[in-house]
């Protein structure tokens, strides 16, 4: 029998609850490592990524910023790209991460720049 870690269980449990409540909306997913953070807007009905932004992109490599400010700029970039695609209603899937620090900074930046969730 395959053993599933508690982190994976938490991610799946959160995602199932969010999908029940937010049917028909697009999903913002977060992925972070020790140095970088990325976010993408996913349409679950067709299983495709519509818009994405990451701190690994070329224009972020020039600037030396701390990780929280990097999260804020990634949020601004994602919100700007979503506005170009006329996306404004989404739901926020934080994965297995706590709503704290860089994840919170990214979410607040998205809200400030026009996304509703």
PDB file of N, CA and C in Angstrom:
ATOM      1  N   UNK A   1       0.835  -1.166   0.000  1.00  0.00           N
ATOM      2  CA  UNK A   1       0.000   0.000   0.000  1.00  0.00           C
ATOM      3  C   UNK A   1       0.889   1.240   0.000  1.00  0.00           C
ATOM      4  N   UNK A   2       0.557   2.213  -0.847  1.00  0.00           N
ATOM      5  CA  UNK A   2       1.338   3.425  -0.975  1.00  0.00           C
ATOM      6  C   UNK A   2       0.950   4.405   0.131  1.00  0.00           C
ATOM      7  N   UNK A   3       1.949   4.945   0.781  1.00  0.00           N
ATOM      8  CA  UNK A   3       1.710   5.876   1.876  1.00  0.00           C
ATOM      9  C   UNK A   3       1.759   7.302   1.340  1.00  0.00           C
ATOM     10  N   UNK A   4       0.740   8.099   1.666  1.00  0.00           N
ATOM     11  CA  UNK A   4       0.654   9.477   1.199  1.00  0.00           C
ATOM     12  C   UNK A   4       1.036  10.394   2.354  1.00  0.00           C
ATOM     13  N   UNK A   5       1.895  11.379   2.075  1.00  0.00           N
ATOM     14  CA  UNK A   5       2.338  12.283   3.123  1.00  0.00           C
ATOM     15  C   UNK A   5       1.201  13.207   3.556  1.00  0.00           C
ATOM     16  N   UNK A   6       1.339  13.761   4.738  1.00  0.00           N
ATOM     17  CA  UNK A   6       0.295  14.639   5.260  1.00  0.00           C
ATOM     18  C   UNK A   6       0.226  15.946   4.469  1.00  0.00           C
ATOM     19  N   UNK A   7       1.350  16.375   3.901  1.00  0.00           N
ATOM     20  CA  UNK A   7       1.335  17.585   3.082  1.00  0.00           C
ATOM     21  C   UNK A   7       0.464  17.393   1.848  1.00  0.00           C
ATOM     22  N   UNK A   8       0.618  16.259   1.190  1.00  0.00           N
ATOM     23  CA  UNK A   8      -0.193  15.969  -0.003  1.00  0.00           C
ATOM     24  C   UNK A   8      -1.667  15.858   0.362  1.00  0.00           C
ATOM     25  N   UNK A   9      -1.941  15.242   1.513  1.00  0.00           N
ATOM     26  CA  UNK A   9      -3.331  15.125   1.960  1.00  0.00           C
ATOM     27  C   UNK A   9      -3.944  16.500   2.180  1.00  0.00           C
ATOM     28  N   UNK A  10      -3.185  17.402   2.799  1.00  0.00           N
ATOM     29  CA  UNK A  10      -3.674  18.755   3.063  1.00  0.00           C
ATOM     30  C   UNK A  10      -3.948  19.495   1.759  1.00  0.00           C
ATOM     31  N   UNK A  11      -3.059  19.365   0.787  1.00  0.00           N
ATOM     32  CA  UNK A  11      -3.230  20.035  -0.499  1.00  0.00           C
ATOM     33  C   UNK A  11      -4.492  19.542  -1.183  1.00  0.00           C
ATOM     34  N   UNK A  12      -4.678  18.233  -1.223  1.00  0.00           N
ATOM     35  CA  UNK A  12      -5.853  17.652  -1.887  1.00  0.00           C
ATOM     36  C   UNK A  12      -7.129  18.031  -1.150  1.00  0.00           C
ATOM     37  N   UNK A  13      -7.096  17.981   0.182  1.00  0.00           N
ATOM     38  CA  UNK A  13      -8.281  18.328   0.979  1.00  0.00           C
ATOM     39  C   UNK A  13      -8.686  19.783   0.756  1.00  0.00           C
ATOM     40  N   UNK A  14      -7.716  20.698   0.766  1.00  0.00           N
ATOM     41  CA  UNK A  14      -8.017  22.113   0.528  1.00  0.00           C
ATOM     42  C   UNK A  14      -8.584  22.329  -0.867  1.00  0.00           C
ATOM     43  N   UNK A  15      -7.994  21.686  -1.861  1.00  0.00           N
ATOM     44  CA  UNK A  15      -8.426  21.880  -3.241  1.00  0.00           C
ATOM     45  C   UNK A  15      -9.845  21.355  -3.457  1.00  0.00           C
ATOM     46  N   UNK A  16     -10.198  20.222  -2.861  1.00  0.00           N
ATOM     47  CA  UNK A  16     -11.547  19.662  -3.002  1.00  0.00           C
ATOM     48  C   UNK A  16     -12.573  20.597  -2.381  1.00  0.00           C
ATOM     49  N   UNK A  17     -12.277  21.135  -1.198  1.00  0.00           N
ATOM     50  CA  UNK A  17     -13.209  22.062  -0.542  1.00  0.00           C
ATOM     51  C   UNK A  17     -13.374  23.344  -1.352  1.00  0.00           C
ATOM     52  N   UNK A  18     -12.277  23.850  -1.895  1.00  0.00           N
ATOM     53  CA  UNK A  18     -12.353  25.067  -2.689  1.00  0.00           C
ATOM     54  C   UNK A  18     -13.156  24.861  -3.970  1.00  0.00           C
ATOM     55  N   UNK A  19     -13.000  23.723  -4.609  1.00  0.00           N
ATOM     56  CA  UNK A  19     -13.728  23.463  -5.852  1.00  0.00           C
ATOM     57  C   UNK A  19     -15.225  23.344  -5.611  1.00  0.00           C
ATOM     58  N   UNK A  20     -15.630  22.812  -4.462  1.00  0.00           N
ATOM     59  CA  UNK A  20     -17.052  22.712  -4.150  1.00  0.00           C
ATOM     60  C   UNK A  20     -17.673  24.093  -3.971  1.00  0.00           C
ATOM     61  N   UNK A  21     -16.956  24.973  -3.323  1.00  0.00           N
ATOM     62  CA  UNK A  21     -17.479  26.305  -3.018  1.00  0.00           C
ATOM     63  C   UNK A  21     -17.415  27.231  -4.223  1.00  0.00           C
ATOM     64  N   UNK A  22     -16.391  27.116  -5.030  1.00  0.00           N
ATOM     65  CA  UNK A  22     -16.116  28.075  -6.101  1.00  0.00           C
ATOM     66  C   UNK A  22     -16.306  27.466  -7.480  1.00  0.00           C
ATOM     67  N   UNK A  23     -17.408  26.826  -7.710  1.00  0.00           N
ATOM     68  CA  UNK A  23     -17.645  26.166  -8.985  1.00  0.00           C
ATOM     69  C   UNK A  23     -17.776  27.203 -10.098  1.00  0.00           C
ATOM     70  N   UNK A  24     -17.086  26.997 -11.207  1.00  0.00           N
ATOM     71  CA  UNK A  24     -17.191  27.866 -12.364  1.00  0.00           C
ATOM     72  C   UNK A  24     -16.190  29.001 -12.393  1.00  0.00           C
ATOM     73  N   UNK A  25     -15.418  29.194 -11.340  1.00  0.00           N
ATOM     74  CA  UNK A  25     -14.418  30.263 -11.331  1.00  0.00           C
ATOM     75  C   UNK A  25     -13.055  29.692 -11.703  1.00  0.00           C
ATOM     76  N   UNK A  26     -12.171  30.579 -12.074  1.00  0.00           N
ATOM     77  CA  UNK A  26     -10.794  30.187 -12.354  1.00  0.00           C
ATOM     78  C   UNK A  26     -10.013  30.130 -11.049  1.00  0.00           C
ATOM     79  N   UNK A  27      -8.934  29.354 -11.034  1.00  0.00           N
ATOM     80  CA  UNK A  27      -8.171  29.106  -9.813  1.00  0.00           C
ATOM     81  C   UNK A  27      -6.783  29.714  -9.930  1.00  0.00           C
ATOM     82  N   UNK A  28      -6.340  30.401  -8.874  1.00  0.00           N
ATOM     83  CA  UNK A  28      -4.964  30.882  -8.782  1.00  0.00           C
ATOM     84  C   UNK A  28      -4.195  29.898  -7.919  1.00  0.00           C
ATOM     85  N   UNK A  29      -3.130  29.331  -8.463  1.00  0.00           N
ATOM     86  CA  UNK A  29      -2.293  28.422  -7.691  1.00  0.00           C
ATOM     87  C   UNK A  29      -0.943  29.061  -7.431  1.00  0.00           C
ATOM     88  N   UNK A  30      -0.373  28.708  -6.302  1.00  0.00           N
ATOM     89  CA  UNK A  30       0.907  29.253  -5.874  1.00  0.00           C
ATOM     90  C   UNK A  30       1.910  28.113  -5.783  1.00  0.00           C
ATOM     91  N   UNK A  31       3.120  28.388  -6.184  1.00  0.00           N
ATOM     92  CA  UNK A  31       4.216  27.449  -6.008  1.00  0.00           C
ATOM     93  C   UNK A  31       5.419  28.258  -5.575  1.00  0.00           C
ATOM     94  N   UNK A  32       6.059  27.821  -4.502  1.00  0.00           N
ATOM     95  CA  UNK A  32       7.219  28.579  -4.038  1.00  0.00           C
ATOM     96  C   UNK A  32       8.343  27.636  -3.649  1.00  0.00           C
ATOM     97  N   UNK A  33       9.551  28.164  -3.769  1.00  0.00           N
ATOM     98  CA  UNK A  33      10.736  27.455  -3.322  1.00  0.00           C
ATOM     99  C   UNK A  33      11.454  28.380  -2.341  1.00  0.00           C
ATOM    100  N   UNK A  34      12.649  28.024  -1.968  1.00  0.00           N
ATOM    101  CA  UNK A  34      13.371  28.873  -1.026  1.00  0.00           C
ATOM    102  C   UNK A  34      13.761  30.216  -1.632  1.00  0.00           C
ATOM    103  N   UNK A  35      13.962  30.265  -2.950  1.00  0.00           N
ATOM    104  CA  UNK A  35      14.392  31.504  -3.589  1.00  0.00           C
ATOM    105  C   UNK A  35      13.310  32.154  -4.449  1.00  0.00           C
ATOM    106  N   UNK A  36      12.452  31.373  -5.085  1.00  0.00           N
ATOM    107  CA  UNK A  36      11.527  31.888  -6.092  1.00  0.00           C
ATOM    108  C   UNK A  36      10.079  31.608  -5.723  1.00  0.00           C
ATOM    109  N   UNK A  37       9.199  32.319  -6.416  1.00  0.00           N
ATOM    110  CA  UNK A  37       7.761  32.113  -6.257  1.00  0.00           C
ATOM    111  C   UNK A  37       7.116  32.254  -7.624  1.00  0.00           C
ATOM    112  N   UNK A  38       6.090  31.462  -7.862  1.00  0.00           N
ATOM    113  CA  UNK A  38       5.360  31.563  -9.119  1.00  0.00           C
ATOM    114  C   UNK A  38       3.879  31.379  -8.841  1.00  0.00           C
ATOM    115  N   UNK A  39       3.079  31.958  -9.711  1.00  0.00           N
ATOM    116  CA  UNK A  39       1.626  31.853  -9.584  1.00  0.00           C
ATOM    117  C   UNK A  39       1.047  31.716 -10.974  1.00  0.00           C
ATOM    118  N   UNK A  40      -0.075  31.021 -11.061  1.00  0.00           N
ATOM    119  CA  UNK A  40      -0.727  30.862 -12.353  1.00  0.00           C
ATOM    120  C   UNK A  40      -2.225  30.780 -12.165  1.00  0.00           C
ATOM    121  N   UNK A  41      -2.946  31.201 -13.188  1.00  0.00           N
ATOM    122  CA  UNK A  41      -4.398  31.121 -13.206  1.00  0.00           C
ATOM    123  C   UNK A  41      -4.770  29.952 -14.104  1.00  0.00           C
ATOM    124  N   UNK A  42      -5.533  29.003 -13.543  1.00  0.00           N
ATOM    125  CA  UNK A  42      -5.848  27.751 -14.218  1.00  0.00           C
ATOM    126  C   UNK A  42      -7.347  27.637 -14.412  1.00  0.00           C
ATOM    127  N   UNK A  43      -7.749  27.191 -15.591  1.00  0.00           N
ATOM    128  CA  UNK A  43      -9.143  26.868 -15.859  1.00  0.00           C
ATOM    129  C   UNK A  43      -9.300  25.362 -15.686  1.00  0.00           C
ATOM    130  N   UNK A  44      -9.987  24.954 -14.621  1.00  0.00           N
ATOM    131  CA  UNK A  44     -10.106  23.526 -14.317  1.00  0.00           C
ATOM    132  C   UNK A  44     -11.040  22.789 -15.261  1.00  0.00           C
ATOM    133  N   UNK A  45     -11.927  23.500 -15.924  1.00  0.00           N
ATOM    134  CA  UNK A  45     -12.849  22.812 -16.826  1.00  0.00           C
ATOM    135  C   UNK A  45     -12.133  22.262 -18.058  1.00  0.00           C
ATOM    136  N   UNK A  46     -11.088  22.944 -18.514  1.00  0.00           N
ATOM    137  CA  UNK A  46     -10.332  22.463 -19.669  1.00  0.00           C
ATOM    138  C   UNK A  46      -8.903  22.064 -19.299  1.00  0.00           C
ATOM    139  N   UNK A  47      -8.569  22.172 -18.023  1.00  0.00           N
ATOM    140  CA  UNK A  47      -7.245  21.806 -17.503  1.00  0.00           C
ATOM    141  C   UNK A  47      -6.111  22.514 -18.235  1.00  0.00           C
ATOM    142  N   UNK A  48      -6.217  23.836 -18.343  1.00  0.00           N
ATOM    143  CA  UNK A  48      -5.183  24.623 -18.997  1.00  0.00           C
ATOM    144  C   UNK A  48      -4.812  25.825 -18.149  1.00  0.00           C
ATOM    145  N   UNK A  49      -3.536  26.191 -18.219  1.00  0.00           N
ATOM    146  CA  UNK A  49      -3.068  27.414 -17.593  1.00  0.00           C
ATOM    147  C   UNK A  49      -3.340  28.566 -18.540  1.00  0.00           C
ATOM    148  N   UNK A  50      -4.012  29.594 -18.033  1.00  0.00           N
ATOM    149  CA  UNK A  50      -4.365  30.731 -18.871  1.00  0.00           C
ATOM    150  C   UNK A  50      -3.300  31.819 -18.765  1.00  0.00           C
ATOM    151  N   UNK A  51      -2.914  32.154 -17.545  1.00  0.00           N
ATOM    152  CA  UNK A  51      -1.947  33.225 -17.309  1.00  0.00           C
ATOM    153  C   UNK A  51      -0.984  32.748 -16.226  1.00  0.00           C
ATOM    154  N   UNK A  52       0.289  33.105 -16.364  1.00  0.00           N
ATOM    155  CA  UNK A  52       1.242  32.756 -15.315  1.00  0.00           C
ATOM    156  C   UNK A  52       2.274  33.862 -15.147  1.00  0.00           C
ATOM    157  N   UNK A  53       2.880  33.896 -13.966  1.00  0.00           N
ATOM    158  CA  UNK A  53       3.969  34.824 -13.672  1.00  0.00           C
ATOM    159  C   UNK A  53       4.902  34.140 -12.685  1.00  0.00           C
ATOM    160  N   UNK A  54       6.191  34.407 -12.839  1.00  0.00           N
ATOM    161  CA  UNK A  54       7.168  33.754 -11.981  1.00  0.00           C
ATOM    162  C   UNK A  54       8.337  34.692 -11.727  1.00  0.00           C
ATOM    163  N   UNK A  55       9.007  34.477 -10.623  1.00  0.00           N
ATOM    164  CA  UNK A  55      10.201  35.264 -10.328  1.00  0.00           C
ATOM    165  C   UNK A  55      11.414  34.740 -11.081  1.00  0.00           C
ATOM    166  N   UNK A  56      11.257  33.672 -11.848  1.00  0.00           N
ATOM    167  CA  UNK A  56      12.341  33.129 -12.669  1.00  0.00           C
ATOM    168  C   UNK A  56      12.437  33.812 -14.028  1.00  0.00           C
ATOM    169  N   UNK A  57      11.515  34.703 -14.335  1.00  0.00           N
ATOM    170  CA  UNK A  57      11.527  35.371 -15.637  1.00  0.00           C
ATOM    171  C   UNK A  57      12.716  36.319 -15.744  1.00  0.00           C
ATOM    172  N   UNK A  58      13.060  36.658 -16.980  1.00  0.00           N
ATOM    173  CA  UNK A  58      14.262  37.449 -17.245  1.00  0.00           C
ATOM    174  C   UNK A  58      14.245  38.813 -16.569  1.00  0.00           C
ATOM    175  N   UNK A  59      13.089  39.499 -16.583  1.00  0.00           N
ATOM    176  CA  UNK A  59      13.062  40.854 -16.042  1.00  0.00           C
ATOM    177  C   UNK A  59      13.237  40.888 -14.521  1.00  0.00           C
ATOM    178  N   UNK A  60      13.077  39.771 -13.831  1.00  0.00           N
ATOM    179  CA  UNK A  60      13.297  39.725 -12.388  1.00  0.00           C
ATOM    180  C   UNK A  60      14.740  39.414 -12.034  1.00  0.00           C
ATOM    181  N   UNK A  61      15.482  38.856 -12.964  1.00  0.00           N
ATOM    182  CA  UNK A  61      16.864  38.471 -12.683  1.00  0.00           C
ATOM    183  C   UNK A  61      17.768  39.690 -12.473  1.00  0.00           C
ATOM    184  N   UNK A  62      17.430  40.816 -13.096  1.00  0.00           N
ATOM    185  CA  UNK A  62      18.254  42.015 -12.977  1.00  0.00           C
ATOM    186  C   UNK A  62      18.172  42.627 -11.589  1.00  0.00           C
ATOM    187  N   UNK A  63      16.946  42.661 -11.053  1.00  0.00           N
ATOM    188  CA  UNK A  63      16.713  43.353  -9.794  1.00  0.00           C
ATOM    189  C   UNK A  63      17.053  42.456  -8.610  1.00  0.00           C
ATOM    190  N   UNK A  64      17.798  43.008  -7.699  1.00  0.00           N
ATOM    191  CA  UNK A  64      18.100  42.308  -6.449  1.00  0.00           C
ATOM    192  C   UNK A  64      17.121  42.811  -5.392  1.00  0.00           C
ATOM    193  N   UNK A  65      16.122  41.989  -5.077  1.00  0.00           N
ATOM    194  CA  UNK A  65      15.108  42.356  -4.099  1.00  0.00           C
ATOM    195  C   UNK A  65      15.013  41.249  -3.065  1.00  0.00           C
ATOM    196  N   UNK A  66      14.423  41.594  -1.921  1.00  0.00           N
ATOM    197  CA  UNK A  66      14.185  40.514  -0.969  1.00  0.00           C
ATOM    198  C   UNK A  66      12.962  39.722  -1.419  1.00  0.00           C
ATOM    199  N   UNK A  67      12.734  38.573  -0.804  1.00  0.00           N
ATOM    200  CA  UNK A  67      11.745  37.622  -1.308  1.00  0.00           C
ATOM    201  C   UNK A  67      10.314  38.147  -1.190  1.00  0.00           C
ATOM    202  N   UNK A  68      10.015  38.923  -0.152  1.00  0.00           N
ATOM    203  CA  UNK A  68       8.662  39.445   0.012  1.00  0.00           C
ATOM    204  C   UNK A  68       8.355  40.477  -1.069  1.00  0.00           C
ATOM    205  N   UNK A  69       9.290  41.363  -1.351  1.00  0.00           N
ATOM    206  CA  UNK A  69       9.076  42.344  -2.417  1.00  0.00           C
ATOM    207  C   UNK A  69       8.991  41.670  -3.780  1.00  0.00           C
ATOM    208  N   UNK A  70       9.711  40.583  -3.957  1.00  0.00           N
ATOM    209  CA  UNK A  70       9.635  39.807  -5.190  1.00  0.00           C
ATOM    210  C   UNK A  70       8.238  39.219  -5.352  1.00  0.00           C
ATOM    211  N   UNK A  71       7.643  38.755  -4.255  1.00  0.00           N
ATOM    212  CA  UNK A  71       6.282  38.218  -4.293  1.00  0.00           C
ATOM    213  C   UNK A  71       5.276  39.296  -4.677  1.00  0.00           C
ATOM    214  N   UNK A  72       5.475  40.494  -4.169  1.00  0.00           N
ATOM    215  CA  UNK A  72       4.577  41.605  -4.487  1.00  0.00           C
ATOM    216  C   UNK A  72       4.642  41.940  -5.969  1.00  0.00           C
ATOM    217  N   UNK A  73       5.849  41.976  -6.535  1.00  0.00           N
ATOM    218  CA  UNK A  73       5.964  42.302  -7.953  1.00  0.00           C
ATOM    219  C   UNK A  73       5.426  41.186  -8.844  1.00  0.00           C
ATOM    220  N   UNK A  74       5.563  39.934  -8.421  1.00  0.00           N
ATOM    221  CA  UNK A  74       4.971  38.821  -9.177  1.00  0.00           C
ATOM    222  C   UNK A  74       3.452  38.938  -9.157  1.00  0.00           C
ATOM    223  N   UNK A  75       2.878  39.317  -8.021  1.00  0.00           N
ATOM    224  CA  UNK A  75       1.433  39.523  -7.925  1.00  0.00           C
ATOM    225  C   UNK A  75       0.948  40.640  -8.828  1.00  0.00           C
ATOM    226  N   UNK A  76       1.704  41.738  -8.877  1.00  0.00           N
ATOM    227  CA  UNK A  76       1.338  42.848  -9.763  1.00  0.00           C
ATOM    228  C   UNK A  76       1.375  42.412 -11.221  1.00  0.00           C
ATOM    229  N   UNK A  77       2.409  41.668 -11.589  1.00  0.00           N
ATOM    230  CA  UNK A  77       2.548  41.207 -12.967  1.00  0.00           C
ATOM    231  C   UNK A  77       1.424  40.244 -13.351  1.00  0.00           C
ATOM    232  N   UNK A  78       1.092  39.331 -12.465  1.00  0.00           N
ATOM    233  CA  UNK A  78       0.008  38.380 -12.745  1.00  0.00           C
ATOM    234  C   UNK A  78      -1.332  39.106 -12.867  1.00  0.00           C
ATOM    235  N   UNK A  79      -1.581  40.084 -12.013  1.00  0.00           N
ATOM    236  CA  UNK A  79      -2.836  40.836 -12.083  1.00  0.00           C
ATOM    237  C   UNK A  79      -2.922  41.640 -13.382  1.00  0.00           C
ATOM    238  N   UNK A  80      -1.792  42.184 -13.817  1.00  0.00           N
ATOM    239  CA  UNK A  80      -1.780  42.939 -15.068  1.00  0.00           C
ATOM    240  C   UNK A  80      -2.054  42.024 -16.263  1.00  0.00           C
ATOM    241  N   UNK A  81      -1.436  40.853 -16.269  1.00  0.00           N
ATOM    242  CA  UNK A  81      -1.667  39.897 -17.358  1.00  0.00           C
ATOM    243  C   UNK A  81      -3.095  39.363 -17.339  1.00  0.00           C
ATOM    244  N   UNK A  82      -3.662  39.191 -16.157  1.00  0.00           N
ATOM    245  CA  UNK A  82      -5.055  38.732 -16.049  1.00  0.00           C
ATOM    246  C   UNK A  82      -6.012  39.805 -16.545  1.00  0.00           C
ATOM    247  N   UNK A  83      -5.702  41.067 -16.283  1.00  0.00           N
ATOM    248  CA  UNK A  83      -6.549  42.164 -16.758  1.00  0.00           C
ATOM    249  C   UNK A  83      -6.535  42.236 -18.283  1.00  0.00           C
ATOM    250  N   UNK A  84      -5.400  41.915 -18.891  1.00  0.00           N
ATOM    251  CA  UNK A  84      -5.325  41.897 -20.350  1.00  0.00           C
ATOM    252  C   UNK A  84      -6.218  40.808 -20.936  1.00  0.00           C
ATOM    253  N   UNK A  85      -6.376  39.693 -20.217  1.00  0.00           N
ATOM    254  CA  UNK A  85      -7.240  38.594 -20.663  1.00  0.00           C
ATOM    255  C   UNK A  85      -8.682  38.759 -20.163  1.00  0.00           C
ATOM    256  N   UNK A  86      -8.959  39.877 -19.480  1.00  0.00           N
ATOM    257  CA  UNK A  86     -10.286  40.205 -18.937  1.00  0.00           C
ATOM    258  C   UNK A  86     -10.745  39.185 -17.895  1.00  0.00           C
ATOM    259  N   UNK A  87      -9.827  38.839 -17.000  1.00  0.00           N
ATOM    260  CA  UNK A  87     -10.127  37.940 -15.882  1.00  0.00           C
ATOM    261  C   UNK A  87     -10.143  38.782 -14.622  1.00  0.00           C
ATOM    262  N   UNK A  88     -11.257  38.699 -13.861  1.00  0.00           N
ATOM    263  CA  UNK A  88     -11.282  39.438 -12.602  1.00  0.00           C
ATOM    264  C   UNK A  88     -11.848  38.653 -11.426  1.00  0.00           C
ATOM    265  N   UNK A  89     -12.614  37.582 -11.661  1.00  0.00           N
ATOM    266  CA  UNK A  89     -13.145  36.764 -10.576  1.00  0.00           C
ATOM    267  C   UNK A  89     -12.451  35.415 -10.560  1.00  0.00           C
ATOM    268  N   UNK A  90     -11.750  35.129  -9.478  1.00  0.00           N
ATOM    269  CA  UNK A  90     -10.998  33.890  -9.332  1.00  0.00           C
ATOM    270  C   UNK A  90     -11.135  33.409  -7.890  1.00  0.00           C
ATOM    271  N   UNK A  91     -10.606  32.228  -7.613  1.00  0.00           N
ATOM    272  CA  UNK A  91     -10.445  31.817  -6.222  1.00  0.00           C
ATOM    273  C   UNK A  91      -9.010  31.432  -5.980  1.00  0.00           C
ATOM    274  N   UNK A  92      -8.569  31.592  -4.748  1.00  0.00           N
ATOM    275  CA  UNK A  92      -7.165  31.492  -4.372  1.00  0.00           C
ATOM    276  C   UNK A  92      -6.887  30.136  -3.758  1.00  0.00           C
ATOM    277  N   UNK A  93      -6.049  29.343  -4.409  1.00  0.00           N
ATOM    278  CA  UNK A  93      -5.640  28.039  -3.908  1.00  0.00           C
ATOM    279  C   UNK A  93      -4.201  28.169  -3.425  1.00  0.00           C
ATOM    280  N   UNK A  94      -4.025  28.190  -2.135  1.00  0.00           N
ATOM    281  CA  UNK A  94      -2.688  28.407  -1.583  1.00  0.00           C
ATOM    282  C   UNK A  94      -1.855  27.146  -1.530  1.00  0.00           C
ATOM    283  N   UNK A  95      -2.380  26.043  -2.053  1.00  0.00           N
ATOM    284  CA  UNK A  95      -1.638  24.790  -2.038  1.00  0.00           C
ATOM    285  C   UNK A  95      -1.572  24.242  -0.635  1.00  0.00           C
ATOM    286  N   UNK A  96      -0.423  23.938  -0.149  1.00  0.00           N
ATOM    287  CA  UNK A  96      -0.257  23.475   1.218  1.00  0.00           C
ATOM    288  C   UNK A  96       0.382  24.527   2.089  1.00  0.00           C
ATOM    289  N   UNK A  97       0.567  25.721   1.545  1.00  0.00           N
ATOM    290  CA  UNK A  97       1.281  26.772   2.251  1.00  0.00           C
ATOM    291  C   UNK A  97       0.343  27.535   3.183  1.00  0.00           C
ATOM    292  N   UNK A  98       0.880  28.018   4.280  1.00  0.00           N
ATOM    293  CA  UNK A  98       0.112  28.846   5.192  1.00  0.00           C
ATOM    294  C   UNK A  98      -0.080  30.222   4.568  1.00  0.00           C
ATOM    295  N   UNK A  99      -1.187  30.861   4.917  1.00  0.00           N
ATOM    296  CA  UNK A  99      -1.459  32.212   4.419  1.00  0.00           C
ATOM    297  C   UNK A  99      -0.669  33.171   5.291  1.00  0.00           C
ATOM    298  N   UNK A 100       0.620  33.290   4.983  1.00  0.00           N
ATOM    299  CA  UNK A 100       1.536  34.030   5.830  1.00  0.00           C
ATOM    300  C   UNK A 100       2.753  34.399   5.002  1.00  0.00           C
ATOM    301  N   UNK A 101       3.345  35.539   5.274  1.00  0.00           N
ATOM    302  CA  UNK A 101       4.597  35.914   4.638  1.00  0.00           C
ATOM    303  C   UNK A 101       4.470  36.180   3.153  1.00  0.00           C
ATOM    304  N   UNK A 102       5.221  35.437   2.343  1.00  0.00           N
ATOM    305  CA  UNK A 102       5.257  35.672   0.897  1.00  0.00           C
ATOM    306  C   UNK A 102       3.935  35.358   0.224  1.00  0.00           C
ATOM    307  N   UNK A 103       3.229  34.334   0.690  1.00  0.00           N
ATOM    308  CA  UNK A 103       1.938  33.973   0.100  1.00  0.00           C
ATOM    309  C   UNK A 103       0.923  35.077   0.373  1.00  0.00           C
ATOM    310  N   UNK A 104       0.921  35.602   1.573  1.00  0.00           N
ATOM    311  CA  UNK A 104       0.011  36.693   1.935  1.00  0.00           C
ATOM    312  C   UNK A 104       0.343  37.958   1.144  1.00  0.00           C
ATOM    313  N   UNK A 105       1.624  38.262   0.990  1.00  0.00           N
ATOM    314  CA  UNK A 105       2.040  39.443   0.228  1.00  0.00           C
ATOM    315  C   UNK A 105       1.592  39.333  -1.226  1.00  0.00           C
ATOM    316  N   UNK A 106       1.722  38.154  -1.808  1.00  0.00           N
ATOM    317  CA  UNK A 106       1.294  37.945  -3.190  1.00  0.00           C
ATOM    318  C   UNK A 106      -0.215  38.100  -3.322  1.00  0.00           C
ATOM    319  N   UNK A 107      -0.968  37.536  -2.385  1.00  0.00           N
ATOM    320  CA  UNK A 107      -2.433  37.622  -2.430  1.00  0.00           C
ATOM    321  C   UNK A 107      -2.913  39.063  -2.273  1.00  0.00           C
ATOM    322  N   UNK A 108      -2.321  39.802  -1.362  1.00  0.00           N
ATOM    323  CA  UNK A 108      -2.718  41.199  -1.173  1.00  0.00           C
ATOM    324  C   UNK A 108      -2.360  42.046  -2.384  1.00  0.00           C
ATOM    325  N   UNK A 109      -1.246  41.743  -3.016  1.00  0.00           N
ATOM    326  CA  UNK A 109      -0.856  42.447  -4.232  1.00  0.00           C
ATOM    327  C   UNK A 109      -1.843  42.177  -5.370  1.00  0.00           C
ATOM    328  N   UNK A 110      -2.307  40.938  -5.473  1.00  0.00           N
ATOM    329  CA  UNK A 110      -3.318  40.594  -6.495  1.00  0.00           C
ATOM    330  C   UNK A 110      -4.610  41.359  -6.237  1.00  0.00           C
ATOM    331  N   UNK A 111      -5.028  41.426  -4.988  1.00  0.00           N
ATOM    332  CA  UNK A 111      -6.269  42.144  -4.657  1.00  0.00           C
ATOM    333  C   UNK A 111      -6.146  43.631  -4.956  1.00  0.00           C
ATOM    334  N   UNK A 112      -4.991  44.212  -4.611  1.00  0.00           N
ATOM    335  CA  UNK A 112      -4.761  45.640  -4.835  1.00  0.00           C
ATOM    336  C   UNK A 112      -4.836  46.002  -6.323  1.00  0.00           C
ATOM    337  N   UNK A 113      -4.425  45.065  -7.167  1.00  0.00           N
ATOM    338  CA  UNK A 113      -4.323  45.341  -8.591  1.00  0.00           C
ATOM    339  C   UNK A 113      -5.522  44.834  -9.397  1.00  0.00           C
ATOM    340  N   UNK A 114      -6.633  44.530  -8.724  1.00  0.00           N
ATOM    341  CA  UNK A 114      -7.866  44.329  -9.457  1.00  0.00           C
ATOM    342  C   UNK A 114      -8.488  42.946  -9.494  1.00  0.00           C
ATOM    343  N   UNK A 115      -7.866  41.923  -8.907  1.00  0.00           N
ATOM    344  CA  UNK A 115      -8.486  40.605  -8.903  1.00  0.00           C
ATOM    345  C   UNK A 115      -9.374  40.446  -7.666  1.00  0.00           C
ATOM    346  N   UNK A 116     -10.543  39.861  -7.862  1.00  0.00           N
ATOM    347  CA  UNK A 116     -11.491  39.635  -6.755  1.00  0.00           C
ATOM    348  C   UNK A 116     -11.481  38.174  -6.378  1.00  0.00           C
ATOM    349  N   UNK A 117     -11.193  37.883  -5.110  1.00  0.00           N
ATOM    350  CA  UNK A 117     -11.318  36.526  -4.595  1.00  0.00           C
ATOM    351  C   UNK A 117     -11.575  36.571  -3.111  1.00  0.00           C
TER     352      UNK A 117
END
